Amino acid sequence: MKNRPLSLRQHILELRRRLFWSIAVLFVFTVAAFVFNEQIIRLLLGPAKGFADLPNGKPVFTELTEYIGVAMKVSLYTGLAASIPFILYQFVMFVAPGLTRTERRYLFTLIPASILSFLAGAAFGYKVLFPPAINFLLHYGSDVAVPLIRIGSYINLMITLLLWMGIIFEMPLVLFFLSKIGIVSYKFLARQRRWAFLLAFVVGAIITPTFDPINQTLVAVPIIVLYEVSIWLVWLGTRKKRRALRTQLEGDA
């Protein structure tokens, strides 16, 4: 027996309930992250091994409330990152009744894959991109001026870079989804390859905090690889549709 459709009031109550639990989980994770904010900040300081060459071997804060502000910001972002799976689950369960079986299948597949892709991008930035970039910034011009790095500016830079690298690694899934709804095709992506390569270096120049070509290349190369992966993913994803179309054309002939 089919479920009766919910009324507008029931939809609003359902949305309010899921928002309440999402905010509650975000609050719990944020408070837990604040308890361990020192460990999280030390983790974010990991790529800056060059801090050992600075006075006292650590960054500084120049305002009385700067460090507590950094601790709260890091806690909020960490809490948000930790609660994203739960929030996405609430979103999926809210919209799932209005979707077809195929749409639900794509949704339940793409959301976990998008989380893993984002984590892979952040891990790539943390392990591969950030250490040489930060080392370059710390030592460039150190013969002329003494670097005194503010903890606030450093943490803001790290959070921004982690976010952008995570978003970049979502590209294959985004293009795959766009192909499924008919906006792009693998032939279109293949024809735009040279422009994608150029755009990859432009994005690398924008994201990278340095102006040297080495660090820009470290960003551009993964983007190019991900673009090629996207082309193959779109090709595989539309293969069944092409086969069905070819069969239909042969049958009409």
C-alpha atoms as a PDB file:
ATOM      1  CA  MET A   1       0.000   0.000   0.000  1.00  0.00           C
ATOM      2  CA  LYS A   2       1.414   3.391  -0.978  1.00  0.00           C
ATOM      3  CA  ASN A   3       2.086   5.993   1.665  1.00  0.00           C
ATOM      4  CA  ARG A   4      -0.253   8.980   1.645  1.00  0.00           C
ATOM      5  CA  PRO A   5       1.442  12.231   0.562  1.00  0.00           C
ATOM      6  CA  LEU A   6       2.255  14.566   3.417  1.00  0.00           C
ATOM      7  CA  SER A   7       0.442  17.855   3.833  1.00  0.00           C
ATOM      8  CA  LEU A   8       2.292  21.184   3.766  1.00  0.00           C
ATOM      9  CA  ARG A   9       2.125  21.397   7.556  1.00  0.00           C
ATOM     10  CA  GLN A  10       3.571  17.899   7.899  1.00  0.00           C
ATOM     11  CA  HIS A  11       6.398  18.800   5.504  1.00  0.00           C
ATOM     12  CA  ILE A  12       7.216  21.893   7.570  1.00  0.00           C
ATOM     13  CA  LEU A  13       7.166  19.893  10.814  1.00  0.00           C
ATOM     14  CA  GLU A  14       9.377  17.237   9.238  1.00  0.00           C
ATOM     15  CA  LEU A  15      11.824  19.887   8.001  1.00  0.00           C
ATOM     16  CA  ARG A  16      11.891  21.574  11.402  1.00  0.00           C
ATOM     17  CA  ARG A  17      12.589  18.271  13.141  1.00  0.00           C
ATOM     18  CA  ARG A  18      15.478  17.421  10.841  1.00  0.00           C
ATOM     19  CA  LEU A  19      16.917  20.940  11.117  1.00  0.00           C
ATOM     20  CA  PHE A  20      16.720  20.721  14.901  1.00  0.00           C
ATOM     21  CA  TRP A  21      18.650  17.460  15.013  1.00  0.00           C
ATOM     22  CA  SER A  22      21.209  18.728  12.480  1.00  0.00           C
ATOM     23  CA  ILE A  23      21.854  21.860  14.555  1.00  0.00           C
ATOM     24  CA  ALA A  24      22.009  19.786  17.755  1.00  0.00           C
ATOM     25  CA  VAL A  25      24.610  17.423  16.265  1.00  0.00           C
ATOM     26  CA  LEU A  26      26.593  20.391  14.908  1.00  0.00           C
ATOM     27  CA  PHE A  27      26.556  21.961  18.374  1.00  0.00           C
ATOM     28  CA  VAL A  28      27.737  18.746  20.070  1.00  0.00           C
ATOM     29  CA  PHE A  29      30.593  18.230  17.605  1.00  0.00           C
ATOM     30  CA  THR A  30      31.610  21.906  17.845  1.00  0.00           C
ATOM     31  CA  VAL A  31      31.763  21.738  21.645  1.00  0.00           C
ATOM     32  CA  ALA A  32      33.762  18.498  21.453  1.00  0.00           C
ATOM     33  CA  ALA A  33      36.148  20.111  18.945  1.00  0.00           C
ATOM     34  CA  PHE A  34      36.588  23.122  21.232  1.00  0.00           C
ATOM     35  CA  VAL A  35      37.665  20.780  24.042  1.00  0.00           C
ATOM     36  CA  PHE A  36      40.410  19.489  21.735  1.00  0.00           C
ATOM     37  CA  ASN A  37      41.066  22.755  19.890  1.00  0.00           C
ATOM     38  CA  GLU A  38      44.755  22.794  20.839  1.00  0.00           C
ATOM     39  CA  GLN A  39      45.331  19.380  19.254  1.00  0.00           C
ATOM     40  CA  ILE A  40      43.417  20.409  16.119  1.00  0.00           C
ATOM     41  CA  ILE A  41      45.404  23.642  15.788  1.00  0.00           C
ATOM     42  CA  ARG A  42      48.651  21.718  16.213  1.00  0.00           C
ATOM     43  CA  LEU A  43      47.482  19.413  13.421  1.00  0.00           C
ATOM     44  CA  LEU A  44      46.873  22.408  11.162  1.00  0.00           C
ATOM     45  CA  LEU A  45      50.356  23.679  12.019  1.00  0.00           C
ATOM     46  CA  GLY A  46      51.799  20.389  10.761  1.00  0.00           C
ATOM     47  CA  PRO A  47      52.619  21.503   7.191  1.00  0.00           C
ATOM     48  CA  ALA A  48      54.538  24.531   8.559  1.00  0.00           C
ATOM     49  CA  LYS A  49      57.552  22.621   9.782  1.00  0.00           C
ATOM     50  CA  GLY A  50      59.513  25.795   9.050  1.00  0.00           C
ATOM     51  CA  PHE A  51      58.050  27.305  12.209  1.00  0.00           C
ATOM     52  CA  ALA A  52      60.956  25.649  13.977  1.00  0.00           C
ATOM     53  CA  ASP A  53      63.143  28.399  12.490  1.00  0.00           C
ATOM     54  CA  LEU A  54      60.971  31.194  13.901  1.00  0.00           C
ATOM     55  CA  PRO A  55      61.475  32.849  17.285  1.00  0.00           C
ATOM     56  CA  ASN A  56      60.158  30.423  19.955  1.00  0.00           C
ATOM     57  CA  GLY A  57      59.348  27.971  17.138  1.00  0.00           C
ATOM     58  CA  LYS A  58      55.687  28.934  16.941  1.00  0.00           C
ATOM     59  CA  PRO A  59      53.409  31.609  15.423  1.00  0.00           C
ATOM     60  CA  VAL A  60      52.297  34.633  17.425  1.00  0.00           C
ATOM     61  CA  PHE A  61      49.069  36.450  18.200  1.00  0.00           C
ATOM     62  CA  THR A  62      49.064  40.232  18.397  1.00  0.00           C
ATOM     63  CA  GLU A  63      45.594  40.857  19.824  1.00  0.00           C
ATOM     64  CA  LEU A  64      44.249  39.763  23.181  1.00  0.00           C
ATOM     65  CA  THR A  65      41.277  37.905  21.694  1.00  0.00           C
ATOM     66  CA  GLU A  66      42.989  36.577  18.576  1.00  0.00           C
ATOM     67  CA  TYR A  67      43.823  33.087  19.819  1.00  0.00           C
ATOM     68  CA  ILE A  68      40.417  32.443  21.409  1.00  0.00           C
ATOM     69  CA  GLY A  69      38.843  33.601  18.150  1.00  0.00           C
ATOM     70  CA  VAL A  70      41.021  31.152  16.209  1.00  0.00           C
ATOM     71  CA  ALA A  71      40.116  28.347  18.626  1.00  0.00           C
ATOM     72  CA  MET A  72      36.403  29.031  18.201  1.00  0.00           C
ATOM     73  CA  LYS A  73      36.665  29.262  14.414  1.00  0.00           C
ATOM     74  CA  VAL A  74      38.622  26.012  14.171  1.00  0.00           C
ATOM     75  CA  SER A  75      36.117  24.315  16.486  1.00  0.00           C
ATOM     76  CA  LEU A  76      33.161  25.472  14.395  1.00  0.00           C
ATOM     77  CA  TYR A  77      34.699  24.310  11.109  1.00  0.00           C
ATOM     78  CA  THR A  78      35.744  20.997  12.651  1.00  0.00           C
ATOM     79  CA  GLY A  79      32.268  20.509  14.103  1.00  0.00           C
ATOM     80  CA  LEU A  80      30.709  21.294  10.734  1.00  0.00           C
ATOM     81  CA  ALA A  81      33.032  18.867   8.934  1.00  0.00           C
ATOM     82  CA  ALA A  82      32.295  16.110  11.460  1.00  0.00           C
ATOM     83  CA  SER A  83      28.523  16.634  11.291  1.00  0.00           C
ATOM     84  CA  ILE A  84      28.289  16.842   7.481  1.00  0.00           C
ATOM     85  CA  PRO A  85      27.504  13.095   7.068  1.00  0.00           C
ATOM     86  CA  PHE A  86      24.605  13.373   9.539  1.00  0.00           C
ATOM     87  CA  ILE A  87      23.314  16.606   7.971  1.00  0.00           C
ATOM     88  CA  LEU A  88      23.457  15.088   4.487  1.00  0.00           C
ATOM     89  CA  TYR A  89      21.640  12.014   5.768  1.00  0.00           C
ATOM     90  CA  GLN A  90      18.857  14.231   7.121  1.00  0.00           C
ATOM     91  CA  PHE A  91      18.675  16.022   3.771  1.00  0.00           C
ATOM     92  CA  VAL A  92      18.500  12.756   1.846  1.00  0.00           C
ATOM     93  CA  MET A  93      15.772  11.345   4.074  1.00  0.00           C
ATOM     94  CA  PHE A  94      13.758  14.560   3.674  1.00  0.00           C
ATOM     95  CA  VAL A  95      13.867  14.676  -0.144  1.00  0.00           C
ATOM     96  CA  ALA A  96      13.945  10.914  -0.843  1.00  0.00           C
ATOM     97  CA  PRO A  97      10.145  10.375  -0.778  1.00  0.00           C
ATOM     98  CA  GLY A  98       9.754  12.806  -3.686  1.00  0.00           C
ATOM     99  CA  LEU A  99      12.385  11.140  -5.877  1.00  0.00           C
ATOM    100  CA  THR A 100      12.186   8.225  -8.261  1.00  0.00           C
ATOM    101  CA  ARG A 101      13.997   4.989  -7.509  1.00  0.00           C
ATOM    102  CA  THR A 102      16.768   5.850  -9.995  1.00  0.00           C
ATOM    103  CA  GLU A 103      17.207   9.331  -8.527  1.00  0.00           C
ATOM    104  CA  ARG A 104      17.403   7.903  -5.012  1.00  0.00           C
ATOM    105  CA  ARG A 105      20.036   5.426  -6.142  1.00  0.00           C
ATOM    106  CA  TYR A 106      22.171   8.191  -7.612  1.00  0.00           C
ATOM    107  CA  LEU A 107      21.692  10.306  -4.492  1.00  0.00           C
ATOM    108  CA  PHE A 108      22.666   7.546  -2.071  1.00  0.00           C
ATOM    109  CA  THR A 109      25.743   6.806  -4.209  1.00  0.00           C
ATOM    110  CA  LEU A 110      26.957  10.317  -4.975  1.00  0.00           C
ATOM    111  CA  ILE A 111      26.728  11.769  -1.461  1.00  0.00           C
ATOM    112  CA  PRO A 112      29.155   9.279   0.199  1.00  0.00           C
ATOM    113  CA  ALA A 113      31.399   9.530  -2.871  1.00  0.00           C
ATOM    114  CA  SER A 114      31.393  13.342  -2.637  1.00  0.00           C
ATOM    115  CA  ILE A 115      32.431  13.199   1.034  1.00  0.00           C
ATOM    116  CA  LEU A 116      35.308  10.835   0.215  1.00  0.00           C
ATOM    117  CA  SER A 117      36.361  13.036  -2.715  1.00  0.00           C
ATOM    118  CA  PHE A 118      36.399  16.125  -0.525  1.00  0.00           C
ATOM    119  CA  LEU A 119      38.501  14.354   2.119  1.00  0.00           C
ATOM    120  CA  ALA A 120      40.902  13.135  -0.579  1.00  0.00           C
ATOM    121  CA  GLY A 121      41.355  16.685  -1.854  1.00  0.00           C
ATOM    122  CA  ALA A 122      41.952  18.071   1.627  1.00  0.00           C
ATOM    123  CA  ALA A 123      44.443  15.277   2.370  1.00  0.00           C
ATOM    124  CA  PHE A 124      46.288  15.960  -0.896  1.00  0.00           C
ATOM    125  CA  GLY A 125      46.595  19.629  -0.036  1.00  0.00           C
ATOM    126  CA  TYR A 126      47.696  18.919   3.534  1.00  0.00           C
ATOM    127  CA  LYS A 127      50.317  16.324   2.610  1.00  0.00           C
ATOM    128  CA  VAL A 128      51.569  17.377  -0.837  1.00  0.00           C
ATOM    129  CA  LEU A 129      50.746  20.999  -1.637  1.00  0.00           C
ATOM    130  CA  PHE A 130      50.935  22.952   1.618  1.00  0.00           C
ATOM    131  CA  PRO A 131      54.369  21.942   3.015  1.00  0.00           C
ATOM    132  CA  PRO A 132      56.448  23.245   0.059  1.00  0.00           C
ATOM    133  CA  ALA A 133      54.228  26.307  -0.389  1.00  0.00           C
ATOM    134  CA  ILE A 134      54.469  27.299   3.279  1.00  0.00           C
ATOM    135  CA  ASN A 135      58.196  26.576   3.366  1.00  0.00           C
ATOM    136  CA  PHE A 136      58.668  28.901   0.387  1.00  0.00           C
ATOM    137  CA  LEU A 137      56.662  31.695   2.016  1.00  0.00           C
ATOM    138  CA  LEU A 138      58.471  31.361   5.338  1.00  0.00           C
ATOM    139  CA  HIS A 139      61.974  31.577   3.908  1.00  0.00           C
ATOM    140  CA  TYR A 140      61.518  33.912   0.964  1.00  0.00           C
ATOM    141  CA  GLY A 141      62.917  37.271   2.021  1.00  0.00           C
ATOM    142  CA  SER A 142      64.011  36.018   5.458  1.00  0.00           C
ATOM    143  CA  ASP A 143      67.459  37.542   4.843  1.00  0.00           C
ATOM    144  CA  VAL A 144      65.816  40.958   4.714  1.00  0.00           C
ATOM    145  CA  ALA A 145      62.990  40.676   7.245  1.00  0.00           C
ATOM    146  CA  VAL A 146      62.193  38.460  10.212  1.00  0.00           C
ATOM    147  CA  PRO A 147      58.968  36.470   9.723  1.00  0.00           C
ATOM    148  CA  LEU A 148      56.559  36.714  12.669  1.00  0.00           C
ATOM    149  CA  ILE A 149      53.529  34.747  11.548  1.00  0.00           C
ATOM    150  CA  ARG A 150      50.175  35.533  13.163  1.00  0.00           C
ATOM    151  CA  ILE A 151      48.232  32.444  14.163  1.00  0.00           C
ATOM    152  CA  GLY A 152      45.001  33.987  12.854  1.00  0.00           C
ATOM    153  CA  SER A 153      46.276  34.642   9.336  1.00  0.00           C
ATOM    154  CA  TYR A 154      47.924  31.216   9.126  1.00  0.00           C
ATOM    155  CA  ILE A 155      44.803  29.302  10.227  1.00  0.00           C
ATOM    156  CA  ASN A 156      42.589  31.313   7.865  1.00  0.00           C
ATOM    157  CA  LEU A 157      44.925  30.454   4.990  1.00  0.00           C
ATOM    158  CA  MET A 158      44.971  26.764   5.888  1.00  0.00           C
ATOM    159  CA  ILE A 159      41.180  26.515   6.172  1.00  0.00           C
ATOM    160  CA  THR A 160      40.721  28.312   2.841  1.00  0.00           C
ATOM    161  CA  LEU A 161      43.206  26.063   1.051  1.00  0.00           C
ATOM    162  CA  LEU A 162      41.740  22.877   2.546  1.00  0.00           C
ATOM    163  CA  LEU A 163      38.281  23.973   1.440  1.00  0.00           C
ATOM    164  CA  TRP A 164      39.361  24.760  -2.127  1.00  0.00           C
ATOM    165  CA  MET A 165      41.312  21.541  -2.556  1.00  0.00           C
ATOM    166  CA  GLY A 166      38.331  19.557  -1.310  1.00  0.00           C
ATOM    167  CA  ILE A 167      36.030  21.360  -3.771  1.00  0.00           C
ATOM    168  CA  ILE A 168      38.430  20.755  -6.683  1.00  0.00           C
ATOM    169  CA  PHE A 169      38.393  17.015  -6.035  1.00  0.00           C
ATOM    170  CA  GLU A 170      34.587  17.061  -6.404  1.00  0.00           C
ATOM    171  CA  MET A 171      34.945  17.848 -10.133  1.00  0.00           C
ATOM    172  CA  PRO A 172      34.548  14.273 -11.494  1.00  0.00           C
ATOM    173  CA  LEU A 173      31.340  13.733  -9.535  1.00  0.00           C
ATOM    174  CA  VAL A 174      29.914  17.116 -10.553  1.00  0.00           C
ATOM    175  CA  LEU A 175      30.624  16.505 -14.243  1.00  0.00           C
ATOM    176  CA  PHE A 176      29.242  12.966 -13.983  1.00  0.00           C
ATOM    177  CA  PHE A 177      26.019  14.334 -12.490  1.00  0.00           C
ATOM    178  CA  LEU A 178      25.792  17.026 -15.199  1.00  0.00           C
ATOM    179  CA  SER A 179      26.187  14.340 -17.849  1.00  0.00           C
ATOM    180  CA  LYS A 180      23.370  12.339 -16.284  1.00  0.00           C
ATOM    181  CA  ILE A 181      20.963  15.265 -16.590  1.00  0.00           C
ATOM    182  CA  GLY A 182      22.101  15.957 -20.151  1.00  0.00           C
ATOM    183  CA  ILE A 183      24.039  19.202 -19.692  1.00  0.00           C
ATOM    184  CA  VAL A 184      27.470  17.899 -20.768  1.00  0.00           C
ATOM    185  CA  SER A 185      28.736  14.898 -22.741  1.00  0.00           C
ATOM    186  CA  TYR A 186      32.087  13.170 -22.917  1.00  0.00           C
ATOM    187  CA  LYS A 187      32.585  14.480 -26.467  1.00  0.00           C
ATOM    188  CA  PHE A 188      32.045  18.052 -25.283  1.00  0.00           C
ATOM    189  CA  LEU A 189      34.494  17.576 -22.395  1.00  0.00           C
ATOM    190  CA  ALA A 190      37.084  16.046 -24.734  1.00  0.00           C
ATOM    191  CA  ARG A 191      36.789  19.000 -27.136  1.00  0.00           C
ATOM    192  CA  GLN A 192      37.323  21.455 -24.266  1.00  0.00           C
ATOM    193  CA  ARG A 193      40.444  19.667 -23.008  1.00  0.00           C
ATOM    194  CA  ARG A 194      42.970  22.360 -23.965  1.00  0.00           C
ATOM    195  CA  TRP A 195      40.867  25.074 -22.322  1.00  0.00           C
ATOM    196  CA  ALA A 196      40.548  22.914 -19.229  1.00  0.00           C
ATOM    197  CA  PHE A 197      44.345  22.574 -19.071  1.00  0.00           C
ATOM    198  CA  LEU A 198      44.742  26.355 -19.319  1.00  0.00           C
ATOM    199  CA  LEU A 199      42.071  26.911 -16.677  1.00  0.00           C
ATOM    200  CA  ALA A 200      43.823  24.419 -14.394  1.00  0.00           C
ATOM    201  CA  PHE A 201      46.934  26.621 -14.270  1.00  0.00           C
ATOM    202  CA  VAL A 202      44.819  29.746 -13.792  1.00  0.00           C
ATOM    203  CA  VAL A 203      43.058  28.113 -10.838  1.00  0.00           C
ATOM    204  CA  GLY A 204      46.439  26.955  -9.527  1.00  0.00           C
ATOM    205  CA  ALA A 205      47.688  30.539  -9.638  1.00  0.00           C
ATOM    206  CA  ILE A 206      44.595  31.768  -7.787  1.00  0.00           C
ATOM    207  CA  ILE A 207      44.532  29.105  -5.066  1.00  0.00           C
ATOM    208  CA  THR A 208      48.253  28.812  -4.409  1.00  0.00           C
ATOM    209  CA  PRO A 209      49.446  31.400  -1.892  1.00  0.00           C
ATOM    210  CA  THR A 210      52.799  31.679  -3.687  1.00  0.00           C
ATOM    211  CA  PHE A 211      53.692  32.948  -7.141  1.00  0.00           C
ATOM    212  CA  ASP A 212      56.269  30.310  -8.044  1.00  0.00           C
ATOM    213  CA  PRO A 213      55.391  27.951 -10.925  1.00  0.00           C
ATOM    214  CA  ILE A 214      56.293  24.822  -8.948  1.00  0.00           C
ATOM    215  CA  ASN A 215      53.485  25.169  -6.426  1.00  0.00           C
ATOM    216  CA  GLN A 216      51.061  26.280  -9.142  1.00  0.00           C
ATOM    217  CA  THR A 217      51.918  23.117 -11.062  1.00  0.00           C
ATOM    218  CA  LEU A 218      51.279  21.044  -7.928  1.00  0.00           C
ATOM    219  CA  VAL A 219      47.697  22.339  -8.023  1.00  0.00           C
ATOM    220  CA  ALA A 220      47.252  22.298 -11.808  1.00  0.00           C
ATOM    221  CA  VAL A 221      48.401  18.699 -12.391  1.00  0.00           C
ATOM    222  CA  PRO A 222      45.758  17.113 -10.096  1.00  0.00           C
ATOM    223  CA  ILE A 223      43.083  19.285 -11.750  1.00  0.00           C
ATOM    224  CA  ILE A 224      44.170  18.047 -15.184  1.00  0.00           C
ATOM    225  CA  VAL A 225      44.206  14.432 -13.988  1.00  0.00           C
ATOM    226  CA  LEU A 226      40.767  14.858 -12.418  1.00  0.00           C
ATOM    227  CA  TYR A 227      39.466  16.338 -15.663  1.00  0.00           C
ATOM    228  CA  GLU A 228      40.696  13.308 -17.600  1.00  0.00           C
ATOM    229  CA  VAL A 229      39.106  11.047 -14.994  1.00  0.00           C
ATOM    230  CA  SER A 230      35.886  13.013 -15.443  1.00  0.00           C
ATOM    231  CA  ILE A 231      35.887  12.373 -19.197  1.00  0.00           C
ATOM    232  CA  TRP A 232      36.267   8.619 -18.689  1.00  0.00           C
ATOM    233  CA  LEU A 233      33.667   8.613 -15.905  1.00  0.00           C
ATOM    234  CA  VAL A 234      31.155  10.444 -18.104  1.00  0.00           C
ATOM    235  CA  TRP A 235      31.921   8.059 -20.986  1.00  0.00           C
ATOM    236  CA  LEU A 236      31.298   5.025 -18.776  1.00  0.00           C
ATOM    237  CA  GLY A 237      28.188   6.576 -17.274  1.00  0.00           C
ATOM    238  CA  THR A 238      26.557   7.229 -20.656  1.00  0.00           C
ATOM    239  CA  ARG A 239      27.657   3.983 -22.334  1.00  0.00           C
ATOM    240  CA  LYS A 240      24.389   2.191 -21.505  1.00  0.00           C
ATOM    241  CA  LYS A 241      22.349   5.095 -22.890  1.00  0.00           C
ATOM    242  CA  ARG A 242      24.383   5.110 -26.128  1.00  0.00           C
ATOM    243  CA  ARG A 243      23.961   1.362 -26.489  1.00  0.00           C
ATOM    244  CA  ALA A 244      20.182   1.618 -26.027  1.00  0.00           C
ATOM    245  CA  LEU A 245      19.990   4.455 -28.577  1.00  0.00           C
ATOM    246  CA  ARG A 246      22.039   2.466 -31.091  1.00  0.00           C
ATOM    247  CA  THR A 247      19.785  -0.565 -30.614  1.00  0.00           C
ATOM    248  CA  GLN A 248      16.697   1.582 -31.173  1.00  0.00           C
ATOM    249  CA  LEU A 249      18.146   3.077 -34.352  1.00  0.00           C
ATOM    250  CA  GLU A 250      19.025  -0.354 -35.692  1.00  0.00           C
ATOM    251  CA  GLY A 251      15.508  -1.561 -34.900  1.00  0.00           C
ATOM    252  CA  ASP A 252      13.946   1.401 -36.738  1.00  0.00           C
ATOM    253  CA  ALA A 253      16.168   0.720 -39.732  1.00  0.00           C
END
